[in-house]
Protein backbone atom coordinates (compact mmCIF):
# COMPACT_ATOMS: atom_id res chain seq x y z
CA MET A 1 -40.22 67.51 -114.39
CA VAL A 2 -40.50 64.73 -111.91
CA CYS A 3 -41.76 61.12 -113.11
CA ARG A 4 -45.10 59.97 -112.27
CA THR A 5 -46.35 56.32 -111.68
CA SER A 6 -49.96 55.81 -112.03
CA ILE A 7 -50.25 52.36 -113.60
CA TRP A 8 -48.70 50.48 -110.92
CA LEU A 9 -50.92 52.30 -108.52
CA SER A 10 -53.80 51.22 -110.22
CA PHE A 11 -52.08 47.66 -110.25
CA LEU A 12 -51.79 47.67 -106.56
CA VAL A 13 -55.08 48.82 -105.33
CA GLY A 14 -56.67 46.18 -107.92
CA ILE A 15 -54.78 43.60 -106.35
CA LEU A 16 -55.71 44.43 -102.68
CA PHE A 17 -59.58 45.18 -104.00
CA SER A 18 -59.64 41.24 -105.29
CA LEU A 19 -57.92 39.70 -102.20
CA SER A 20 -60.36 41.32 -100.10
CA ILE A 21 -63.72 40.19 -101.98
CA SER A 22 -62.10 36.44 -102.44
CA VAL A 23 -61.30 35.60 -98.64
CA PRO A 24 -60.98 31.78 -98.46
CA SER A 25 -61.24 31.96 -94.45
CA MET A 26 -61.69 34.24 -91.76
CA ALA A 27 -58.91 33.61 -89.01
CA GLN A 28 -57.61 35.33 -86.16
CA GLU A 29 -46.12 58.65 -83.48
CA PHE A 30 -44.09 61.79 -80.89
CA PRO A 31 -40.95 63.69 -81.78
CA GLU A 32 -39.65 63.84 -85.12
CA ASP A 33 -38.98 60.68 -86.57
CA LEU A 34 -35.23 59.07 -86.29
CA PRO A 35 -34.15 56.56 -88.78
CA GLY A 36 -33.35 54.22 -85.69
CA GLN A 37 -37.06 54.38 -85.41
CA VAL A 38 -39.38 51.31 -86.41
CA SER A 39 -40.20 51.75 -90.43
CA PRO A 40 -43.41 49.67 -91.60
CA GLU A 41 -41.13 49.77 -95.08
CA ASP A 42 -37.84 48.19 -93.52
CA LEU A 43 -39.16 44.41 -94.36
CA ASN A 44 -36.81 41.55 -92.99
CA SER A 45 -34.90 44.04 -91.03
CA HIS A 46 -36.22 46.32 -88.10
CA GLU A 47 -39.98 45.13 -88.08
CA SER A 48 -38.87 41.53 -87.96
CA GLN A 49 -36.58 42.20 -85.31
CA GLN A 50 -39.39 43.72 -83.36
CA ASP A 51 -41.83 40.67 -83.82
CA LYS A 52 -38.85 38.67 -82.05
CA MET A 53 -38.02 41.01 -79.62
CA ALA A 54 -41.23 42.74 -78.80
CA PRO A 55 -44.25 40.76 -80.17
CA ASN A 56 -46.59 43.83 -79.23
CA VAL A 57 -45.01 46.35 -81.20
CA SER A 58 -46.41 46.00 -84.70
CA SER A 59 -49.08 49.04 -84.79
CA MET A 60 -51.31 46.82 -87.21
CA ARG A 61 -51.10 43.10 -85.20
CA ILE A 62 -50.95 43.63 -81.60
CA GLY A 63 -53.10 40.40 -80.71
CA THR A 64 -56.26 40.01 -79.00
CA PRO A 65 -56.88 40.93 -75.17
CA SER A 66 -57.09 36.89 -74.47
CA SER A 67 -53.74 36.43 -76.01
CA LEU A 68 -51.87 38.35 -73.26
CA ASN A 69 -49.56 36.03 -71.13
CA LYS A 70 -50.09 38.32 -68.24
CA ARG A 71 -52.59 41.13 -67.01
CA TYR A 72 -49.72 44.02 -67.19
CA GLN A 73 -46.86 43.34 -69.93
CA GLY A 74 -44.70 45.86 -71.71
CA TRP A 75 -41.29 46.96 -73.39
CA TRP A 76 -38.81 50.06 -73.38
CA GLN A 77 -36.41 51.60 -75.46
CA VAL A 78 -33.87 54.29 -75.33
CA GLN A 79 -31.99 56.27 -77.89
CA THR A 80 -29.09 58.99 -78.15
CA SER A 81 -27.90 60.76 -80.98
CA LEU A 82 -26.07 63.91 -82.40
CA LEU A 83 -27.87 65.58 -85.33
CA THR A 84 -27.35 68.64 -87.49
CA ARG A 85 -29.23 70.70 -90.04
CA ASP A 86 -28.45 73.43 -92.46
CA GLU A 87 -30.91 75.44 -94.93
CA GLY A 88 -30.44 78.96 -95.71
CA THR A 89 -29.67 81.10 -92.79
CA ASP A 90 -30.89 77.90 -90.58
CA GLN A 91 -28.43 76.03 -88.79
CA ALA A 92 -28.62 73.53 -85.88
CA PHE A 93 -26.65 71.19 -83.74
CA ALA A 94 -28.11 69.04 -81.29
CA SER A 95 -27.93 66.20 -78.63
CA VAL A 96 -31.11 64.16 -78.49
CA VAL A 97 -32.03 61.43 -75.69
CA THR A 98 -35.39 59.36 -76.55
CA ALA A 99 -37.13 57.22 -74.28
CA GLN A 100 -40.05 55.05 -75.29
CA THR A 101 -42.35 52.63 -73.18
CA ASN A 102 -45.11 50.88 -74.09
CA PHE A 103 -47.70 48.99 -71.40
CA ASP A 104 -50.68 46.34 -72.42
CA VAL A 105 -53.16 46.11 -69.51
CA LYS A 106 -55.78 43.19 -70.11
CA LEU A 107 -59.25 44.52 -68.69
CA ALA A 108 -61.47 41.54 -69.97
CA PRO A 109 -61.42 38.92 -72.41
CA MET A 110 -62.71 41.12 -75.17
CA LEU A 111 -61.42 44.41 -73.47
CA ALA A 112 -57.73 45.52 -73.32
CA MET A 113 -55.59 49.17 -73.08
CA ARG A 114 -52.13 50.54 -74.70
CA LEU A 115 -50.53 53.13 -73.31
CA SER A 116 -47.48 54.53 -74.84
CA PRO A 117 -45.89 57.30 -73.47
CA GLY A 118 -42.61 58.59 -74.16
CA ALA A 119 -39.95 61.91 -73.82
CA THR A 120 -37.52 63.45 -76.06
CA PHE A 121 -34.91 65.82 -74.60
CA PHE A 122 -32.85 68.23 -76.69
CA SER A 123 -29.76 70.26 -75.81
CA SER A 124 -29.22 72.37 -79.09
CA GLN A 125 -27.85 75.27 -80.55
CA PHE A 126 -30.55 76.38 -83.24
CA GLN A 127 -31.01 79.16 -85.23
CA GLN A 128 -34.33 78.87 -87.32
CA ARG A 129 -36.69 81.37 -88.99
CA ILE A 130 -40.00 78.87 -88.51
CA ASP A 131 -41.27 77.73 -85.63
CA ASN A 132 -41.12 73.71 -85.84
CA ASP A 133 -42.10 71.52 -82.76
CA ASP A 134 -40.19 68.65 -84.27
CA TYR A 135 -37.15 69.92 -82.69
CA GLU A 136 -38.51 70.63 -79.33
CA SER A 137 -38.21 68.82 -75.66
CA GLN A 138 -41.24 67.28 -74.79
CA PHE A 139 -43.48 64.37 -73.34
CA TYR A 140 -45.62 62.93 -75.89
CA ILE A 141 -48.12 59.70 -76.24
CA GLY A 142 -47.96 57.46 -79.54
CA ASP A 143 -50.47 54.37 -79.77
CA SER A 144 -52.65 54.89 -76.75
CA PHE A 145 -56.04 53.52 -76.83
CA LEU A 146 -58.66 51.15 -75.72
CA GLN A 147 -59.03 48.16 -77.63
CA ILE A 148 -62.01 46.18 -78.38
CA VAL A 149 -62.30 42.85 -79.74
CA PRO A 150 -65.61 41.49 -80.12
CA VAL A 151 -64.31 38.45 -82.63
CA SER A 152 -60.65 37.45 -83.20
CA PHE A 153 -60.69 39.05 -87.09
CA LEU A 154 -62.37 42.41 -85.92
CA GLU A 155 -61.18 44.72 -83.39
CA PHE A 156 -61.94 48.52 -82.67
CA ARG A 157 -59.49 51.11 -81.13
CA VAL A 158 -60.40 54.52 -79.37
CA GLY A 159 -57.95 56.90 -78.02
CA SER A 160 -54.62 58.24 -79.62
CA LEU A 161 -53.79 56.74 -82.73
CA SER A 162 -50.66 56.13 -84.24
CA GLN A 163 -50.23 56.94 -87.92
CA GLN A 164 -47.34 54.35 -88.41
CA PHE A 165 -49.49 51.83 -89.87
CA ILE A 166 -50.06 53.70 -93.00
CA GLY A 167 -46.32 53.57 -93.61
CA ASN A 168 -46.05 56.84 -95.86
CA ASN A 169 -44.10 59.98 -94.41
CA GLN A 170 -44.69 62.09 -97.39
CA LEU A 171 -48.79 61.61 -96.47
CA VAL A 172 -48.57 62.12 -92.80
CA ALA A 173 -45.40 61.65 -90.76
CA GLU A 174 -45.34 57.96 -88.88
CA ASN A 175 -44.27 59.56 -85.47
CA ARG A 176 -47.72 61.58 -85.43
CA ALA A 177 -50.60 60.32 -83.16
CA PHE A 178 -54.18 61.53 -83.76
CA PRO A 179 -57.16 61.04 -81.07
CA GLY A 180 -60.06 59.29 -82.79
CA LEU A 181 -61.47 55.93 -83.62
CA MET A 182 -60.15 52.90 -86.06
CA GLU A 183 -61.75 49.80 -87.28
CA ILE A 184 -59.46 46.93 -88.40
CA GLY A 185 -60.41 43.74 -89.92
CA HIS A 186 -57.78 40.82 -90.24
CA VAL A 187 -57.61 37.75 -92.52
CA ASP A 188 -55.12 34.98 -92.27
CA PHE A 189 -54.63 33.23 -95.45
CA ASP A 190 -52.13 31.04 -93.84
CA SER A 191 -49.29 31.46 -91.21
CA GLU A 192 -47.16 33.92 -93.89
CA THR A 193 -50.14 35.67 -95.71
CA HIS A 194 -52.23 38.13 -94.17
CA LEU A 195 -54.45 40.85 -94.95
CA ASP A 196 -55.70 43.98 -92.91
CA ILE A 197 -58.09 46.48 -93.78
CA THR A 198 -58.61 49.73 -91.92
CA ALA A 199 -60.62 52.64 -91.41
CA GLU A 200 -59.79 55.69 -89.28
CA GLN A 201 -61.66 58.70 -88.21
CA VAL A 202 -59.02 61.09 -86.18
CA VAL A 203 -58.59 64.76 -85.20
CA PRO A 204 -55.45 66.07 -86.60
CA THR A 205 -53.98 67.85 -83.54
CA SER A 206 -52.77 71.80 -83.79
CA ARG A 207 -53.18 74.57 -81.35
CA SER A 208 -53.96 78.06 -82.08
CA LEU A 209 -54.43 81.36 -80.11
CA ASP A 210 -57.94 83.45 -80.21
CA VAL A 211 -55.87 86.22 -81.13
CA ASP A 212 -54.61 84.45 -84.05
CA ARG A 213 -57.75 83.55 -85.87
CA GLU A 214 -61.00 85.33 -86.73
CA GLY A 215 -63.41 83.38 -85.16
CA LYS A 216 -64.49 79.76 -84.09
CA GLU A 217 -63.40 77.06 -86.74
CA PRO A 218 -65.34 73.81 -87.69
CA MET A 219 -63.37 70.74 -85.97
CA PRO A 220 -60.79 69.25 -88.57
CA PHE A 221 -60.73 65.60 -89.58
CA PHE A 222 -58.49 63.11 -91.11
CA HIS A 223 -60.16 60.02 -92.58
CA THR A 224 -58.34 56.75 -94.24
CA GLN A 225 -59.60 53.52 -95.45
CA SER A 226 -56.87 51.09 -96.52
CA ALA A 227 -55.53 47.67 -97.07
CA SER A 228 -52.54 45.79 -95.98
CA PHE A 229 -51.05 42.51 -97.88
CA ARG A 230 -48.02 40.83 -96.55
CA PHE A 231 -46.75 37.55 -97.82
CA GLU A 232 -43.84 35.09 -97.83
CA PRO A 233 -44.31 32.15 -100.22
CA GLN A 234 -40.91 30.90 -99.31
CA GLU A 235 -38.03 31.31 -97.09
CA GLY A 236 -35.75 34.06 -98.20
CA PHE A 237 -38.43 36.10 -99.93
CA GLY A 238 -41.33 38.07 -99.07
CA GLY A 239 -42.95 41.86 -99.20
CA LYS A 240 -45.89 43.99 -98.64
CA LEU A 241 -48.60 46.01 -100.70
CA ASN A 242 -50.56 48.73 -99.26
CA ALA A 243 -53.05 51.19 -100.87
CA GLY A 244 -55.92 53.22 -99.46
CA HIS A 245 -57.80 56.66 -99.62
CA PHE A 246 -57.51 59.60 -97.48
CA THR A 247 -59.29 62.80 -96.82
CA TRP A 248 -58.15 65.82 -95.04
CA LEU A 249 -61.41 68.12 -93.86
CA SER A 250 -61.71 71.42 -92.23
CA LEU A 251 -57.95 72.22 -91.40
CA PRO A 252 -57.73 75.47 -89.20
CA SER A 253 -55.64 78.56 -90.58
CA LYS A 254 -53.13 77.96 -87.81
CA VAL A 255 -52.12 74.47 -89.83
CA ALA A 256 -52.25 76.17 -93.11
CA TYR A 257 -50.32 79.20 -91.97
CA ASP A 258 -47.81 76.77 -90.84
CA SER A 259 -47.92 74.63 -94.24
CA GLU A 260 -47.31 77.65 -96.11
CA LEU A 261 -44.02 78.05 -94.58
CA LEU A 262 -43.11 74.25 -94.78
CA GLY A 263 -43.75 74.02 -98.96
CA ASN A 264 -47.54 74.41 -99.57
CA GLN A 265 -48.53 76.90 -102.33
CA PRO A 266 -48.87 80.19 -99.99
CA THR A 267 -51.88 82.18 -99.67
CA CYS A 268 -51.62 84.81 -96.97
CA GLN A 269 -48.59 86.39 -94.90
CA SER A 270 -50.68 85.97 -91.53
CA GLU A 271 -52.26 83.33 -89.45
CA ALA A 272 -55.80 84.67 -89.28
CA CYS A 273 -56.30 84.86 -92.94
CA SER A 274 -54.15 81.59 -94.29
CA PHE A 275 -56.25 78.96 -96.07
CA PHE A 276 -55.19 76.19 -98.49
CA ASN A 277 -55.31 76.45 -102.24
CA TYR A 278 -56.91 73.18 -102.82
CA SER A 279 -58.39 70.71 -100.56
CA PHE A 280 -56.56 67.06 -99.72
CA GLU A 281 -58.41 63.90 -101.03
CA GLY A 282 -56.49 61.27 -102.90
CA PHE A 283 -54.97 58.08 -103.04
CA PHE A 284 -51.64 56.13 -101.64
CA ALA A 285 -49.99 53.06 -102.33
CA GLY A 286 -46.84 51.42 -101.71
CA GLY A 287 -45.04 47.99 -101.96
CA ALA A 288 -41.69 46.48 -100.81
CA VAL A 289 -40.00 43.13 -101.43
CA THR A 290 -37.37 41.67 -99.61
CA TRP A 291 -34.81 38.70 -101.14
CA SER A 292 -32.05 36.95 -98.97
CA LYS A 293 -29.76 34.11 -99.46
CA SER A 294 -29.27 31.67 -96.68
CA GLN A 295 -29.94 34.27 -94.18
CA LEU A 296 -26.74 35.90 -94.89
CA PHE A 297 -27.02 38.75 -97.28
CA GLY A 298 -30.19 40.04 -99.36
CA ILE A 299 -31.63 43.41 -100.67
CA THR A 300 -35.11 44.96 -100.24
CA ALA A 301 -36.56 47.29 -102.88
CA GLY A 302 -39.55 49.21 -101.97
CA ILE A 303 -41.75 52.63 -103.47
CA ASN A 304 -44.17 54.51 -101.90
CA HIS A 305 -46.77 56.81 -103.74
CA VAL A 306 -49.20 59.71 -102.55
CA SER A 307 -51.43 61.38 -105.11
CA ASN A 308 -53.77 64.43 -103.96
CA THR A 309 -56.56 64.09 -106.76
CA ASP A 310 -57.57 67.71 -106.20
CA ALA A 311 -54.79 69.18 -106.65
CA PRO A 312 -53.48 70.33 -110.31
CA TYR A 313 -51.08 68.75 -112.14
CA GLY A 314 -47.34 69.41 -110.83
CA ARG A 315 -48.80 70.18 -107.48
CA GLY A 316 -50.29 66.95 -105.82
CA ASN A 317 -47.85 63.92 -106.20
CA ALA A 318 -45.43 62.28 -104.20
CA GLU A 319 -42.80 59.21 -104.10
CA ASP A 320 -40.34 57.65 -102.51
CA TRP A 321 -38.04 54.81 -103.98
CA ARG A 322 -35.86 52.94 -101.87
CA LEU A 323 -33.28 50.23 -102.14
CA GLU A 324 -31.67 48.77 -99.21
CA PRO A 325 -28.91 45.80 -99.27
CA PHE A 326 -27.98 44.06 -96.31
CA ILE A 327 -25.76 41.41 -94.59
CA ASP A 328 -27.01 39.35 -91.85
CA ARG A 329 -24.59 37.24 -89.95
CA LYS A 330 -24.72 35.31 -86.54
CA PHE A 331 -23.80 38.29 -84.18
CA TYR A 332 -24.60 41.49 -86.21
CA ARG A 333 -26.91 43.01 -89.21
CA ALA A 334 -25.80 45.68 -91.30
CA ALA A 335 -28.07 47.60 -93.97
CA LEU A 336 -27.56 50.46 -96.05
CA ALA A 337 -30.90 52.11 -97.43
CA ILE A 338 -30.53 54.76 -100.39
CA ASP A 339 -33.88 56.68 -101.10
CA TYR A 340 -34.71 58.97 -103.87
CA PHE A 341 -37.83 61.12 -103.15
CA PHE A 342 -40.22 63.93 -103.98
CA SER A 343 -43.21 65.63 -102.30
CA GLU A 344 -44.85 68.72 -104.57
CA THR A 345 -46.50 71.45 -102.98
CA ASP A 346 -49.84 70.62 -102.17
CA VAL A 347 -49.78 66.61 -102.09
CA THR A 348 -50.58 66.88 -98.45
CA PRO A 349 -50.56 69.56 -95.56
CA ALA A 350 -46.88 70.17 -95.01
CA ARG A 351 -47.28 70.75 -91.30
CA TYR A 352 -48.02 66.87 -90.75
CA THR A 353 -45.18 65.42 -93.06
CA SER A 354 -41.72 64.58 -92.19
CA ALA A 355 -39.37 67.62 -91.41
CA ARG A 356 -36.44 65.70 -91.67
CA PHE A 357 -36.73 65.44 -95.40
CA GLY A 358 -38.19 68.86 -95.76
CA ASN A 359 -41.89 68.61 -95.64
CA ASN A 360 -43.48 69.79 -98.97
CA ASN A 361 -41.80 71.02 -102.18
CA ARG A 362 -38.87 68.86 -101.91
CA GLU A 363 -36.88 66.56 -104.34
CA GLY A 364 -33.55 64.94 -103.00
CA MET A 365 -31.79 61.62 -101.83
CA ALA A 366 -31.24 59.99 -98.13
CA PHE A 367 -28.77 57.79 -97.07
CA THR A 368 -29.52 55.73 -94.07
CA ALA A 369 -27.11 53.08 -92.58
CA LYS A 370 -27.62 50.85 -89.52
CA ILE A 371 -25.61 48.07 -88.04
CA HIS A 372 -27.56 45.93 -85.10
CA PHE A 373 -25.14 44.04 -82.63
CA LYS A 374 -27.35 40.76 -81.80
CA LYS A 375 -25.24 39.62 -79.04
CA TYR A 376 -25.29 42.87 -77.15
CA ASP A 377 -28.78 44.14 -78.00
CA PHE A 378 -28.50 47.50 -79.45
CA SER A 379 -27.84 49.14 -82.77
CA VAL A 380 -25.67 52.19 -84.21
CA TYR A 381 -27.43 54.38 -86.84
CA GLY A 382 -26.73 57.03 -89.08
CA GLN A 383 -28.47 59.29 -91.99
CA TYR A 384 -27.75 62.00 -94.58
CA VAL A 385 -30.18 63.75 -96.30
CA SER A 386 -30.04 66.73 -99.17
CA ALA A 387 -32.92 68.03 -100.82
CA ASN A 388 -33.64 71.24 -102.84
CA PRO A 389 -37.22 72.85 -103.44
CA ILE A 390 -39.01 71.84 -106.76
CA VAL A 391 -40.58 75.02 -106.99
CA SER A 392 -38.65 78.26 -106.04
CA ASP A 393 -39.77 79.57 -102.44
CA SER A 394 -38.65 82.01 -100.57
CA ASN A 395 -39.07 80.55 -97.32
CA GLN A 396 -37.46 77.16 -98.64
CA PHE A 397 -33.58 76.81 -99.53
CA HIS A 398 -31.20 73.75 -100.10
CA LEU A 399 -31.53 71.54 -97.12
CA THR A 400 -29.07 69.10 -95.49
CA SER A 401 -29.32 67.40 -92.34
CA ALA A 402 -27.52 64.36 -90.50
CA ILE A 403 -27.94 62.28 -87.35
CA LEU A 404 -25.73 59.46 -85.70
CA GLY A 405 -26.94 57.68 -82.82
CA VAL A 406 -27.36 54.32 -81.00
CA GLU A 407 -30.42 52.98 -80.02
CA THR A 408 -31.47 49.72 -77.48
CA ASP A 409 -33.17 46.84 -78.68
CA TYR A 410 -36.72 46.47 -76.89
CA ALA A 411 -36.57 45.16 -73.38
CA SER A 412 -39.76 43.43 -72.17
CA PHE A 413 -40.92 43.81 -68.77
């Protein structure tokens, strides 16, 4: 039986709650996620590099409209990779090209707009039993919203909202972006200690034909309330804690049917009559710490947890444990991340989780390596994933996937 951790989850929630009520002062998603892309859990690595190369990339703190140096600014990045995937009678080999852009537009001292269009193109041979839009050529939008900042410590966002800020692929894939509203409060204890308190109300995206459903369905919603705490008490040591509550509401039969094929407990063999056995409401939490020695080498250790309290025991939990040693030298940075993960059948709707890790009802390992060549502004990365079904399922088999790619650093314009 997969291990559970509940004590540390309560501990993290307690820490964040106590911080939120003892503030001394107020101050100022896409195609399938690739391992080369940004992960909020890659502390002292990918995200810190972004802060140096593209200050407005962070999904939580993009600055205020008045802080923009010019009315129009942005960045771009390109990636190219080869990927393979094998599961049962499914097999795939593909060449993938991804281009991402970001535009920030200052409209007024308290009003700005962010646009993040992108495109992914596949040249591939796919044999698959289940339709999956994670491996289709497409144009997409990530964080694309209107930003309203009435005061420096409070902002509102309306538009397409990336789920990257949650930082938990087992709850919702970070490459997903849903339309809706977000409220964010920022607290700075000092220059290296920050607290962000966030609430969002979004509509999870899906598409279905009239002939595939019995009648008009209610509008679905995804609600989260969360807190994220970052700290760096001394040079060479820092970390992040986050915790929150989530609710999925009124999900359509199309999403239920797709999710049954991707790991949720099955209910019906057709789209029109499919439904989820359990509702989805619960908690998520995580943390990571990074230690480094004289900016030469170090290690990051982290964990993420999700618990659907409406699912029975053995059906509603997920965890991801990560260990990432790295070497950071003048001209390059090399890291190797090792993940052990599991996602039980009904922790969350499988349709919205990461396909690379096998969605729901999976237990396995992932190995991700990356070398960043600082002088030449590009990185080479690779990832290997091996996962098995936790509960026997006629739609799921042993899964292996691998990817090898090259990405440029973020270039501003």
